[in-house]
Amino acid sequence: MLLSKLLLSIVFISMGGVHTSGVHGDPEEHMNAYQLITSKGYPAQDHWVTTEDGYILGLQRIPYGLNSKTRTSLPVVLLQHGILGSSADWLTNLANESLAYILANAGWDVWLGNIRGNIYSRNHTSLKPSQKEFWNFSFDEHALKDLPAMVNYILSVTGKTQLSYVGHSQGTTMGFAGFSTLPDLADKVNLFVALAPVATVHHIKGAVSFIAGYYKELDFLFTLFGDGEFLPDDDFNKILANVVCPLPGVDEICGNLLFLVCGFDEKNMNFSRLPVYAAHTPAGTSVKDIVHYGQEVKSGKFCMYDYGTASANKAHYGQATPPNYDVTKMTVATATFSGGNDWVADPTDVSELLPKLPHHVYHHNIDYYEHLDFIWGLDANVKLYPRVIDELNKYKV
């Protein structure tokens, strides 16, 4: 995240730099998603799916859990990460605390999605990440192209007609947009579990709100000086993970920077895992993706990307303004889980969203939860995931 990197850069520079030789840190800092899974003794598979516009997405699969009595024809669930994240978000806590492993042990065939542009999805049939054209996407493409490609591929491999979908943050945005717009996609999902549900973000707080207020300037600067990529996974992440965050006192700074972005819940974060989190996140996205959320903060609407002028929007959409995503058209059963201390999926935005969902089957709010507690909270395996599994079990096929 931009603010975290900038502030941590200041910490790093003020210390005069730190030599990395001989510093190895936690082995999980150096693993990819496949290795994270196998290091804990679970079976793992890498899969690749090509979208209709040529992006090649990397997926990981945990086909069954430890000591599974049945290893075939298990119910299928797709876990979709949030903005700037990756499939590793579901894997970087301990095995008994991470939703992916917990679901596998509960008898699920677990698939982990990755959107175009992150560290696991940087390939294309004709474009390269060094080209600006590669980064011409926002969450519209994640919802309307990436998500259908992943769902169709998973159902083809497993032979199932439906799967369950669990999204966190932008993973829920993809669900709300995709399932309300593409009826054929919605028919393939038996339950949508929305962790920290994000549709409108008009009441977002914290550093994200500050950055979003300057989305036009960000767009200009990155167009002028950048290649369209926003916060890729790079060697600087590894320096933060291996050198800066583990230093005495600095671990709390790293943690508090996350809180500055997502909300405060210090007691529910395992500070010893911060170097692992920092090694895998941010995993990269496009500037256009960030700008799209900035537009949503300003407009208060849940709509497609705004190209800035009536003529440009008309060229893209056939109308002067970007089309709205109408969640009242969703046919998928939806269970939502929210946090009272969440600055991204703000309680006001969530409260305005829920009455619009025509097939809203369950809601649970945890008063002290902030945005990252849904994937990294110390007590998520006790307070949250059992309820998620209860809902999933009602719809599994």
Protein backbone atom coordinates (compact mmCIF):
# COMPACT_ATOMS: atom_id res chain seq x y z
CA MET A 1 0.00 0.00 0.00
CA LEU A 2 1.39 3.34 -1.04
CA LEU A 3 1.29 5.14 2.30
CA SER A 4 2.80 2.17 4.12
CA LYS A 5 5.66 1.99 1.64
CA LEU A 6 6.36 5.70 1.81
CA LEU A 7 6.43 5.82 5.59
CA LEU A 8 8.43 2.63 5.90
CA SER A 9 10.88 4.03 3.35
CA ILE A 10 11.44 6.97 5.68
CA VAL A 11 12.07 4.57 8.57
CA PHE A 12 14.51 2.60 6.44
CA ILE A 13 16.40 5.63 5.16
CA SER A 14 16.56 7.31 8.58
CA MET A 15 18.34 4.23 9.89
CA GLY A 16 21.01 4.71 7.24
CA GLY A 17 19.96 1.56 5.45
CA VAL A 18 20.34 -1.97 6.66
CA HIS A 19 22.45 -4.67 5.06
CA THR A 20 20.48 -7.77 4.18
CA SER A 21 23.32 -10.27 4.03
CA GLY A 22 22.84 -13.08 6.48
CA VAL A 23 19.22 -12.12 7.19
CA HIS A 24 16.83 -14.88 6.21
CA GLY A 25 13.73 -14.30 8.32
CA ASP A 26 10.77 -16.65 8.30
CA PRO A 27 11.02 -19.20 5.45
CA GLU A 28 7.45 -18.36 4.45
CA GLU A 29 8.62 -14.91 3.39
CA HIS A 30 10.37 -16.56 0.45
CA MET A 31 7.65 -19.01 -0.59
CA ASN A 32 5.04 -18.65 -3.29
CA ALA A 33 1.44 -19.75 -2.74
CA TYR A 34 2.07 -23.31 -3.92
CA GLN A 35 5.03 -23.64 -1.55
CA LEU A 36 3.10 -22.15 1.35
CA ILE A 37 0.52 -24.91 0.90
CA THR A 38 2.92 -27.82 0.52
CA SER A 39 5.13 -26.61 3.38
CA LYS A 40 2.23 -27.40 5.71
CA GLY A 41 1.76 -30.89 4.30
CA TYR A 42 -1.29 -30.14 2.15
CA PRO A 43 -1.68 -31.25 -1.47
CA ALA A 44 -1.37 -28.37 -3.92
CA GLN A 45 -1.88 -27.71 -7.60
CA ASP A 46 -1.14 -24.76 -9.84
CA HIS A 47 -3.64 -24.03 -12.61
CA TRP A 48 -3.75 -21.49 -15.43
CA VAL A 49 -6.83 -20.04 -17.09
CA THR A 50 -6.98 -17.61 -20.02
CA THR A 51 -9.61 -14.87 -20.05
CA GLU A 52 -11.54 -13.89 -23.16
CA ASP A 53 -9.22 -10.90 -23.61
CA GLY A 54 -6.00 -12.88 -23.24
CA TYR A 55 -4.92 -12.50 -19.60
CA ILE A 56 -3.50 -15.69 -18.11
CA LEU A 57 -4.56 -16.07 -14.49
CA GLY A 58 -2.79 -18.29 -11.98
CA LEU A 59 -4.94 -20.29 -9.58
CA GLN A 60 -3.91 -22.55 -6.71
CA ARG A 61 -5.89 -25.53 -5.52
CA ILE A 62 -5.99 -27.54 -2.30
CA PRO A 63 -8.03 -30.52 -3.54
CA TYR A 64 -8.56 -32.04 -0.08
CA GLY A 65 -7.46 -31.66 3.51
CA LEU A 66 -5.13 -33.60 5.76
CA ASN A 67 -6.28 -37.14 6.51
CA SER A 68 -9.33 -36.75 4.26
CA LYS A 69 -11.39 -39.92 4.06
CA THR A 70 -12.88 -38.82 0.75
CA ARG A 71 -10.74 -37.11 -1.86
CA THR A 72 -13.11 -36.97 -4.82
CA SER A 73 -16.38 -35.23 -5.61
CA LEU A 74 -15.95 -32.77 -2.74
CA PRO A 75 -17.95 -29.53 -2.72
CA VAL A 76 -16.02 -26.73 -4.40
CA VAL A 77 -15.29 -23.27 -3.03
CA LEU A 78 -13.43 -20.38 -4.67
CA LEU A 79 -11.68 -17.88 -2.38
CA GLN A 80 -11.05 -14.46 -3.92
CA HIS A 81 -8.63 -11.96 -2.38
CA GLY A 82 -8.99 -8.22 -1.93
CA ILE A 83 -7.39 -5.28 -3.71
CA LEU A 84 -3.56 -5.38 -3.88
CA GLY A 85 -3.73 -8.92 -2.54
CA SER A 86 -3.25 -12.42 -3.91
CA SER A 87 -4.11 -16.01 -3.16
CA ALA A 88 -1.40 -15.92 -0.50
CA ASP A 89 -3.69 -13.78 1.68
CA TRP A 90 -5.61 -16.94 2.58
CA LEU A 91 -2.39 -18.84 3.41
CA THR A 92 -0.09 -16.59 5.44
CA ASN A 93 -1.46 -17.26 8.91
CA LEU A 94 -0.76 -20.54 10.67
CA ALA A 95 -2.51 -23.60 9.24
CA ASN A 96 -5.09 -23.70 12.03
CA GLU A 97 -5.83 -19.98 11.52
CA SER A 98 -6.02 -19.66 7.71
CA LEU A 99 -9.38 -20.11 6.00
CA ALA A 100 -8.00 -22.07 3.04
CA TYR A 101 -6.58 -24.85 5.21
CA ILE A 102 -9.57 -24.84 7.54
CA LEU A 103 -11.95 -25.31 4.61
CA ALA A 104 -9.83 -28.10 3.15
CA ASN A 105 -9.90 -29.92 6.48
CA ALA A 106 -13.67 -29.37 6.66
CA GLY A 107 -14.12 -31.38 3.47
CA TRP A 108 -13.94 -28.78 0.71
CA ASP A 109 -12.09 -28.68 -2.60
CA VAL A 110 -10.49 -25.25 -2.19
CA TRP A 111 -9.52 -23.01 -5.11
CA LEU A 112 -7.64 -19.73 -4.68
CA GLY A 113 -8.17 -17.05 -7.33
CA ASN A 114 -5.83 -14.32 -8.57
CA ILE A 115 -6.87 -11.28 -10.58
CA ARG A 116 -5.05 -10.05 -13.67
CA GLY A 117 -1.93 -8.06 -12.89
CA ASN A 118 -0.98 -9.49 -9.50
CA ILE A 119 2.15 -11.53 -8.91
CA TYR A 120 0.49 -14.79 -10.05
CA SER A 121 -1.29 -13.36 -13.11
CA ARG A 122 1.28 -11.32 -15.04
CA ASN A 123 1.04 -13.18 -18.34
CA HIS A 124 -0.96 -12.46 -21.48
CA THR A 125 -1.30 -14.07 -24.88
CA SER A 126 0.07 -10.97 -26.63
CA LEU A 127 0.85 -8.21 -24.11
CA LYS A 128 3.67 -7.83 -21.59
CA PRO A 129 3.58 -6.10 -18.18
CA SER A 130 6.09 -3.59 -19.53
CA GLN A 131 3.40 -2.30 -21.89
CA LYS A 132 0.86 0.25 -20.68
CA GLU A 133 -1.86 -1.62 -22.55
CA PHE A 134 -1.42 -4.57 -20.19
CA TRP A 135 -2.59 -2.39 -17.27
CA ASN A 136 -5.73 -1.05 -18.92
CA PHE A 137 -8.17 -2.60 -16.49
CA SER A 138 -10.12 -1.86 -13.31
CA PHE A 139 -12.42 -3.96 -11.16
CA ASP A 140 -14.85 -4.00 -14.11
CA GLU A 141 -12.57 -6.48 -15.86
CA HIS A 142 -11.96 -8.41 -12.64
CA ALA A 143 -15.71 -8.87 -12.20
CA LEU A 144 -16.85 -9.33 -15.79
CA LYS A 145 -13.91 -11.21 -17.31
CA ASP A 146 -11.58 -12.66 -14.64
CA LEU A 147 -14.31 -14.04 -12.39
CA PRO A 148 -16.30 -15.83 -15.14
CA ALA A 149 -13.08 -17.32 -16.55
CA MET A 150 -12.07 -18.70 -13.16
CA VAL A 151 -15.53 -20.06 -12.32
CA ASN A 152 -15.97 -21.73 -15.72
CA TYR A 153 -12.52 -23.29 -15.54
CA ILE A 154 -13.01 -24.65 -12.03
CA LEU A 155 -16.37 -26.19 -12.89
CA SER A 156 -14.87 -27.74 -16.02
CA VAL A 157 -12.01 -29.33 -14.06
CA THR A 158 -14.15 -30.55 -11.17
CA GLY A 159 -17.19 -31.63 -13.20
CA LYS A 160 -19.48 -29.67 -10.89
CA THR A 161 -22.40 -27.51 -12.00
CA GLN A 162 -22.06 -25.01 -9.16
CA LEU A 163 -19.51 -23.79 -6.65
CA SER A 164 -19.50 -21.57 -3.56
CA TYR A 165 -17.74 -18.22 -3.65
CA VAL A 166 -16.02 -16.46 -0.74
CA GLY A 167 -14.71 -12.96 -1.38
CA HIS A 168 -12.85 -10.51 0.80
CA SER A 169 -12.97 -6.75 0.11
CA GLN A 170 -12.47 -6.34 -3.66
CA GLY A 171 -13.30 -10.03 -3.96
CA THR A 172 -16.78 -9.05 -2.79
CA THR A 173 -16.87 -6.09 -5.21
CA MET A 174 -16.23 -8.58 -8.00
CA GLY A 175 -19.10 -10.73 -6.75
CA PHE A 176 -21.60 -7.89 -6.43
CA ALA A 177 -20.70 -6.56 -9.88
CA GLY A 178 -20.37 -9.88 -11.68
CA PHE A 179 -23.38 -11.69 -10.21
CA SER A 180 -25.70 -8.70 -10.73
CA THR A 181 -24.62 -8.20 -14.35
CA LEU A 182 -24.04 -11.73 -15.68
CA PRO A 183 -27.02 -14.04 -14.97
CA ASP A 184 -25.22 -17.06 -16.46
CA LEU A 185 -22.37 -16.54 -14.00
CA ALA A 186 -24.77 -16.14 -11.09
CA ASP A 187 -26.44 -19.46 -11.95
CA LYS A 188 -23.12 -21.22 -11.34
CA VAL A 189 -22.77 -19.99 -7.75
CA ASN A 190 -24.85 -21.56 -4.96
CA LEU A 191 -23.70 -19.19 -2.20
CA PHE A 192 -21.79 -15.91 -2.15
CA VAL A 193 -20.03 -15.29 1.17
CA ALA A 194 -18.99 -11.63 1.42
CA LEU A 195 -16.30 -10.91 4.01
CA ALA A 196 -16.00 -7.14 4.57
CA PRO A 197 -18.50 -6.43 1.75
CA VAL A 198 -17.56 -3.56 -0.56
CA ALA A 199 -19.93 -2.11 -3.16
CA THR A 200 -20.21 1.64 -2.57
CA VAL A 201 -17.32 3.19 -0.64
CA HIS A 202 -18.68 6.69 -0.08
CA HIS A 203 -18.02 6.58 3.67
CA ILE A 204 -14.56 5.04 3.54
CA LYS A 205 -12.14 6.36 6.18
CA GLY A 206 -8.42 6.49 6.82
CA ALA A 207 -5.48 6.70 4.43
CA VAL A 208 -7.38 5.10 1.56
CA SER A 209 -9.92 7.91 1.70
CA PHE A 210 -7.12 10.51 1.64
CA ILE A 211 -5.43 8.89 -1.36
CA ALA A 212 -8.74 8.44 -3.17
CA GLY A 213 -9.39 12.16 -2.86
CA TYR A 214 -6.49 12.71 -5.24
CA TYR A 215 -7.40 10.04 -7.76
CA LYS A 216 -7.23 12.44 -10.73
CA GLU A 217 -3.72 13.55 -9.77
CA LEU A 218 -2.64 9.94 -9.23
CA ASP A 219 -3.98 9.00 -12.65
CA PHE A 220 -2.08 11.86 -14.29
CA LEU A 221 1.20 11.19 -12.51
CA PHE A 222 1.19 7.47 -13.16
CA THR A 223 0.23 8.00 -16.78
CA LEU A 224 3.05 10.49 -17.17
CA PHE A 225 5.78 8.69 -15.26
CA GLY A 226 4.66 5.10 -14.77
CA ASP A 227 3.70 2.08 -16.79
CA GLY A 228 0.20 1.71 -15.37
CA GLU A 229 1.13 -0.65 -12.53
CA PHE A 230 0.33 0.22 -8.93
CA LEU A 231 2.44 -1.28 -6.12
CA PRO A 232 3.83 -4.48 -7.60
CA ASP A 233 5.32 -7.20 -5.45
CA ASP A 234 9.03 -6.42 -5.58
CA ASP A 235 12.34 -6.67 -3.77
CA PHE A 236 11.44 -3.71 -1.53
CA ASN A 237 8.69 -5.81 0.02
CA LYS A 238 11.31 -8.40 0.91
CA ILE A 239 13.52 -5.73 2.53
CA LEU A 240 10.58 -4.60 4.64
CA ALA A 241 9.76 -8.18 5.56
CA ASN A 242 13.27 -9.39 6.29
CA VAL A 243 14.93 -6.30 7.71
CA VAL A 244 12.68 -3.43 8.74
CA CYS A 245 9.55 -4.93 10.30
CA PRO A 246 11.38 -7.44 12.56
CA LEU A 247 13.49 -4.72 14.21
CA PRO A 248 12.64 -3.97 17.87
CA GLY A 249 9.85 -1.41 18.01
CA VAL A 250 9.45 -1.25 14.23
CA ASP A 251 7.09 -4.23 14.17
CA GLU A 252 4.51 -2.09 15.92
CA ILE A 253 5.07 0.69 13.37
CA CYS A 254 4.42 -1.77 10.54
CA GLY A 255 1.28 -2.97 12.23
CA ASN A 256 0.02 0.52 12.95
CA LEU A 257 0.54 1.50 9.30
CA LEU A 258 -1.81 -1.31 8.33
CA PHE A 259 -4.30 0.01 10.88
CA LEU A 260 -3.94 3.49 9.38
CA VAL A 261 -5.21 2.06 6.12
CA CYS A 262 -7.84 -0.40 7.32
CA GLY A 263 -8.94 0.45 10.87
CA PHE A 264 -7.71 -0.25 14.37
CA ASP A 265 -7.72 -3.65 16.05
CA GLU A 266 -4.24 -4.06 17.47
CA LYS A 267 -5.15 -6.85 19.89
CA ASN A 268 -6.29 -9.10 17.05
CA MET A 269 -3.10 -9.00 14.97
CA ASN A 270 -0.24 -11.45 15.30
CA PHE A 271 2.71 -9.07 15.07
CA SER A 272 5.14 -11.96 14.65
CA ARG A 273 3.51 -12.64 11.25
CA LEU A 274 3.95 -9.10 9.93
CA PRO A 275 7.17 -9.94 8.01
CA VAL A 276 5.29 -12.74 6.23
CA TYR A 277 2.37 -10.47 5.38
CA ALA A 278 4.74 -7.78 4.10
CA ALA A 279 6.58 -10.28 1.91
CA HIS A 280 3.38 -11.20 0.04
CA THR A 281 1.37 -7.96 0.09
CA PRO A 282 0.98 -5.75 -1.90
CA ALA A 283 0.91 -8.10 -4.86
CA GLY A 284 0.17 -5.47 -7.50
CA THR A 285 -2.72 -4.12 -9.55
CA SER A 286 -3.30 -1.33 -12.06
CA VAL A 287 -3.47 2.41 -11.46
CA LYS A 288 -6.86 2.29 -13.19
CA ASP A 289 -8.11 -0.11 -10.52
CA ILE A 290 -7.15 2.34 -7.76
CA VAL A 291 -8.57 5.29 -9.69
CA HIS A 292 -11.88 3.43 -10.11
CA TYR A 293 -12.26 3.21 -6.33
CA GLY A 294 -11.35 6.88 -6.07
CA GLN A 295 -14.21 7.67 -8.42
CA GLU A 296 -16.54 5.60 -6.25
CA VAL A 297 -15.50 7.49 -3.12
CA LYS A 298 -16.30 10.79 -4.81
CA SER A 299 -19.55 9.77 -6.51
CA GLY A 300 -21.01 7.51 -3.84
CA LYS A 301 -22.15 5.22 -6.67
CA PHE A 302 -21.44 1.59 -7.50
CA CYS A 303 -20.80 1.89 -11.21
CA MET A 304 -18.43 1.09 -14.03
CA TYR A 305 -15.26 3.07 -14.68
CA ASP A 306 -15.86 6.73 -15.55
CA TYR A 307 -13.80 7.82 -18.56
CA GLY A 308 -14.19 11.45 -17.57
CA THR A 309 -16.28 12.99 -20.34
CA ALA A 310 -19.70 12.34 -21.83
CA SER A 311 -18.17 11.62 -25.22
CA ALA A 312 -15.61 9.15 -23.83
CA ASN A 313 -18.24 7.33 -21.80
CA LYS A 314 -20.55 7.25 -24.80
CA ALA A 315 -17.77 5.66 -26.86
CA HIS A 316 -17.34 2.93 -24.24
CA TYR A 317 -20.88 2.43 -22.98
CA GLY A 318 -23.20 4.09 -25.47
CA GLN A 319 -24.29 6.59 -22.83
CA ALA A 320 -22.93 9.76 -21.26
CA THR A 321 -22.38 8.28 -17.79
CA PRO A 322 -20.99 4.91 -16.72
CA PRO A 323 -23.65 2.24 -16.09
CA ASN A 324 -24.52 1.43 -12.50
CA TYR A 325 -24.16 -2.04 -11.03
CA ASP A 326 -27.64 -2.93 -9.80
CA VAL A 327 -27.28 -5.34 -6.87
CA THR A 328 -31.08 -5.64 -6.63
CA LYS A 329 -30.82 -7.93 -9.66
CA MET A 330 -28.62 -10.48 -7.89
CA THR A 331 -30.09 -13.97 -7.79
CA VAL A 332 -27.31 -15.57 -5.76
CA ALA A 333 -27.94 -16.41 -2.09
CA THR A 334 -25.65 -14.06 -0.18
CA ALA A 335 -24.23 -14.26 3.35
CA THR A 336 -22.43 -11.18 4.62
CA PHE A 337 -19.92 -10.69 7.43
CA SER A 338 -18.96 -7.18 8.49
CA GLY A 339 -16.80 -5.40 11.04
CA GLY A 340 -17.80 -2.48 13.23
CA ASN A 341 -14.27 -1.06 13.11
CA ASP A 342 -13.77 -1.50 9.36
CA TRP A 343 -12.63 1.70 7.62
CA VAL A 344 -12.86 0.24 4.11
CA ALA A 345 -16.14 -1.68 4.25
CA ASP A 346 -17.55 1.10 6.38
CA PRO A 347 -20.59 0.17 8.52
CA THR A 348 -22.66 2.95 6.92
CA ASP A 349 -21.94 1.70 3.40
CA VAL A 350 -22.68 -1.87 4.51
CA SER A 351 -25.96 -0.88 6.15
CA GLU A 352 -27.05 0.83 2.94
CA LEU A 353 -26.08 -2.21 0.85
CA LEU A 354 -27.75 -5.05 2.75
CA PRO A 355 -31.42 -4.07 2.22
CA LYS A 356 -30.78 -3.99 -1.54
CA LEU A 357 -29.74 -7.67 -1.71
CA PRO A 358 -32.84 -9.65 -2.75
CA HIS A 359 -31.49 -13.03 -1.59
CA HIS A 360 -29.65 -11.98 1.55
CA VAL A 361 -29.76 -15.11 3.71
CA TYR A 362 -27.45 -14.28 6.62
CA HIS A 363 -25.57 -11.41 8.21
CA HIS A 364 -23.11 -11.39 11.08
CA ASN A 365 -21.29 -8.34 12.41
CA ILE A 366 -18.29 -8.43 14.74
CA ASP A 367 -18.11 -5.06 16.45
CA TYR A 368 -14.35 -4.86 16.91
CA TYR A 369 -13.32 -6.29 13.53
CA GLU A 370 -11.37 -4.16 11.07
CA HIS A 371 -10.76 -4.87 7.39
CA LEU A 372 -7.84 -7.27 7.73
CA ASP A 373 -9.26 -9.29 10.61
CA PHE A 374 -11.30 -11.27 8.07
CA ILE A 375 -8.12 -12.84 6.66
CA TRP A 376 -5.51 -12.36 9.40
CA GLY A 377 -7.38 -11.89 12.68
CA LEU A 378 -6.00 -13.92 15.58
CA ASP A 379 -9.46 -15.10 16.54
CA ALA A 380 -10.97 -15.46 13.05
CA ASN A 381 -10.75 -19.25 13.33
CA VAL A 382 -12.99 -19.04 16.41
CA LYS A 383 -15.20 -15.98 15.90
CA LEU A 384 -15.67 -16.01 12.13
CA TYR A 385 -14.73 -19.09 10.13
CA PRO A 386 -17.02 -21.59 11.93
CA ARG A 387 -19.98 -19.36 11.01
CA VAL A 388 -18.74 -19.14 7.41
CA ILE A 389 -18.49 -22.92 7.18
CA ASP A 390 -21.97 -23.34 8.70
CA GLU A 391 -23.40 -21.17 5.92
CA LEU A 392 -21.40 -22.90 3.21
CA ASN A 393 -22.55 -26.32 4.40
CA LYS A 394 -26.18 -25.32 3.90
CA TYR A 395 -25.65 -24.84 0.16
CA LYS A 396 -22.89 -27.25 -0.79
CA VAL A 397 -23.37 -29.59 -3.74
